[in-house]
Amino acid sequence: MAQAQGLGKKYIKAFFKGFFVAVPITVTFLDRVACVARVEGASMQPSLNPGGRQASDVVLLNHWSIRNYDVQRGDIVSLV
């Protein structure tokens, strides 16, 4: 019984160590490199959501290009 409790504590400790490493890395990646967003509504037609359908499109927002001023004609820019 004591051995099972020690094993449970070991797994919980390993989980929290991994959690506290993975969360900051994930947040930094999503903030600095890229993230996934959903586009809804008619604001981006006809490029996105063509035909006036009620479904949404999923896009990848590339933060890296914007930080390096690597924007070219035809790119879609999202402002927050």
C-alpha atoms as a PDB file:
ATOM      1  CA  MET A   1       0.000   0.000   0.000  1.00  0.00           C
ATOM      2  CA  ALA A   2       2.787   2.416   0.899  1.00  0.00           C
ATOM      3  CA  GLN A   3       4.562   1.544  -2.312  1.00  0.00           C
ATOM      4  CA  ALA A   4       1.447   2.414  -4.356  1.00  0.00           C
ATOM      5  CA  GLN A   5       1.183   5.800  -2.619  1.00  0.00           C
ATOM      6  CA  GLY A   6       4.839   6.505  -3.380  1.00  0.00           C
ATOM      7  CA  LEU A   7       4.263   5.554  -7.001  1.00  0.00           C
ATOM      8  CA  GLY A   8       1.220   7.873  -7.220  1.00  0.00           C
ATOM      9  CA  LYS A   9       3.208  10.781  -5.778  1.00  0.00           C
ATOM     10  CA  LYS A  10       5.953  10.083  -8.299  1.00  0.00           C
ATOM     11  CA  TYR A  11       3.533  10.288 -11.238  1.00  0.00           C
ATOM     12  CA  ILE A  12       1.876  13.442  -9.916  1.00  0.00           C
ATOM     13  CA  LYS A  13       5.260  15.095  -9.436  1.00  0.00           C
ATOM     14  CA  ALA A  14       6.330  14.130 -12.975  1.00  0.00           C
ATOM     15  CA  PHE A  15       3.042  15.452 -14.373  1.00  0.00           C
ATOM     16  CA  PHE A  16       3.459  18.849 -12.736  1.00  0.00           C
ATOM     17  CA  LYS A  17       7.089  19.116 -13.845  1.00  0.00           C
ATOM     18  CA  GLY A  18       6.069  18.445 -17.438  1.00  0.00           C
ATOM     19  CA  PHE A  19       3.076  20.779 -17.136  1.00  0.00           C
ATOM     20  CA  PHE A  20       5.160  23.704 -15.887  1.00  0.00           C
ATOM     21  CA  VAL A  21       7.627  23.205 -18.747  1.00  0.00           C
ATOM     22  CA  ALA A  22       5.084  22.631 -21.537  1.00  0.00           C
ATOM     23  CA  VAL A  23       2.716  25.520 -20.773  1.00  0.00           C
ATOM     24  CA  PRO A  24       5.259  28.373 -21.068  1.00  0.00           C
ATOM     25  CA  ILE A  25       6.737  26.855 -24.230  1.00  0.00           C
ATOM     26  CA  THR A  26       3.282  26.516 -25.796  1.00  0.00           C
ATOM     27  CA  VAL A  27       2.231  30.043 -24.841  1.00  0.00           C
ATOM     28  CA  THR A  28       5.475  31.493 -26.205  1.00  0.00           C
ATOM     29  CA  PHE A  29       5.087  29.563 -29.470  1.00  0.00           C
ATOM     30  CA  LEU A  30       1.485  30.704 -29.961  1.00  0.00           C
ATOM     31  CA  ASP A  31       2.382  34.305 -29.145  1.00  0.00           C
ATOM     32  CA  ARG A  32       5.609  34.629 -31.147  1.00  0.00           C
ATOM     33  CA  VAL A  33       5.546  32.127 -34.007  1.00  0.00           C
ATOM     34  CA  ALA A  34       2.049  31.102 -35.142  1.00  0.00           C
ATOM     35  CA  CYS A  35      -1.444  30.252 -33.999  1.00  0.00           C
ATOM     36  CA  VAL A  36      -4.633  28.840 -35.458  1.00  0.00           C
ATOM     37  CA  ALA A  37      -7.755  31.024 -35.723  1.00  0.00           C
ATOM     38  CA  ARG A  38     -11.286  30.642 -37.024  1.00  0.00           C
ATOM     39  CA  VAL A  39     -12.752  33.095 -39.532  1.00  0.00           C
ATOM     40  CA  GLU A  40     -16.518  33.551 -39.471  1.00  0.00           C
ATOM     41  CA  GLY A  41     -18.917  35.842 -41.246  1.00  0.00           C
ATOM     42  CA  ALA A  42     -18.883  37.776 -44.489  1.00  0.00           C
ATOM     43  CA  SER A  43     -16.005  40.110 -43.691  1.00  0.00           C
ATOM     44  CA  MET A  44     -13.446  38.080 -45.651  1.00  0.00           C
ATOM     45  CA  GLN A  45     -15.583  37.032 -48.631  1.00  0.00           C
ATOM     46  CA  PRO A  46     -14.895  35.933 -51.350  1.00  0.00           C
ATOM     47  CA  SER A  47     -11.440  34.731 -50.202  1.00  0.00           C
ATOM     48  CA  LEU A  48     -12.699  33.011 -47.074  1.00  0.00           C
ATOM     49  CA  ASN A  49     -16.203  31.700 -46.388  1.00  0.00           C
ATOM     50  CA  PRO A  50     -17.268  31.803 -50.050  1.00  0.00           C
ATOM     51  CA  GLY A  51     -20.911  31.502 -50.956  1.00  0.00           C
ATOM     52  CA  GLY A  52     -22.273  33.052 -47.795  1.00  0.00           C
ATOM     53  CA  ARG A  53     -22.395  29.774 -45.934  1.00  0.00           C
ATOM     54  CA  GLN A  54     -22.661  29.750 -42.173  1.00  0.00           C
ATOM     55  CA  ALA A  55     -19.615  27.512 -41.671  1.00  0.00           C
ATOM     56  CA  SER A  56     -16.264  28.938 -40.674  1.00  0.00           C
ATOM     57  CA  ASP A  57     -12.778  28.589 -42.151  1.00  0.00           C
ATOM     58  CA  VAL A  58      -9.623  27.859 -40.174  1.00  0.00           C
ATOM     59  CA  VAL A  59      -6.465  29.866 -40.881  1.00  0.00           C
ATOM     60  CA  LEU A  60      -2.892  29.879 -39.629  1.00  0.00           C
ATOM     61  CA  LEU A  61      -1.781  33.292 -38.374  1.00  0.00           C
ATOM     62  CA  ASN A  62       1.956  33.641 -38.937  1.00  0.00           C
ATOM     63  CA  HIS A  63       3.328  36.043 -36.327  1.00  0.00           C
ATOM     64  CA  TRP A  64       6.919  35.430 -37.419  1.00  0.00           C
ATOM     65  CA  SER A  65       6.457  37.105 -40.845  1.00  0.00           C
ATOM     66  CA  ILE A  66       4.851  40.179 -39.347  1.00  0.00           C
ATOM     67  CA  ARG A  67       7.667  40.655 -36.850  1.00  0.00           C
ATOM     68  CA  ASN A  68      10.208  40.539 -39.705  1.00  0.00           C
ATOM     69  CA  TYR A  69       8.105  42.831 -41.950  1.00  0.00           C
ATOM     70  CA  ASP A  70       7.888  40.048 -44.540  1.00  0.00           C
ATOM     71  CA  VAL A  71       4.409  40.950 -45.825  1.00  0.00           C
ATOM     72  CA  GLN A  72       3.761  40.659 -49.535  1.00  0.00           C
ATOM     73  CA  ARG A  73       0.934  41.632 -51.810  1.00  0.00           C
ATOM     74  CA  GLY A  74      -1.967  39.212 -51.545  1.00  0.00           C
ATOM     75  CA  ASP A  75      -1.303  38.289 -47.904  1.00  0.00           C
ATOM     76  CA  ILE A  76      -4.182  38.545 -45.475  1.00  0.00           C
ATOM     77  CA  VAL A  77      -3.280  40.543 -42.397  1.00  0.00           C
ATOM     78  CA  SER A  78      -5.214  40.216 -39.138  1.00  0.00           C
ATOM     79  CA  LEU A  79      -5.288  43.197 -36.807  1.00  0.00           C
ATOM     80  CA  VAL A  80      -6.264  42.866 -33.164  1.00  0.00           C
END
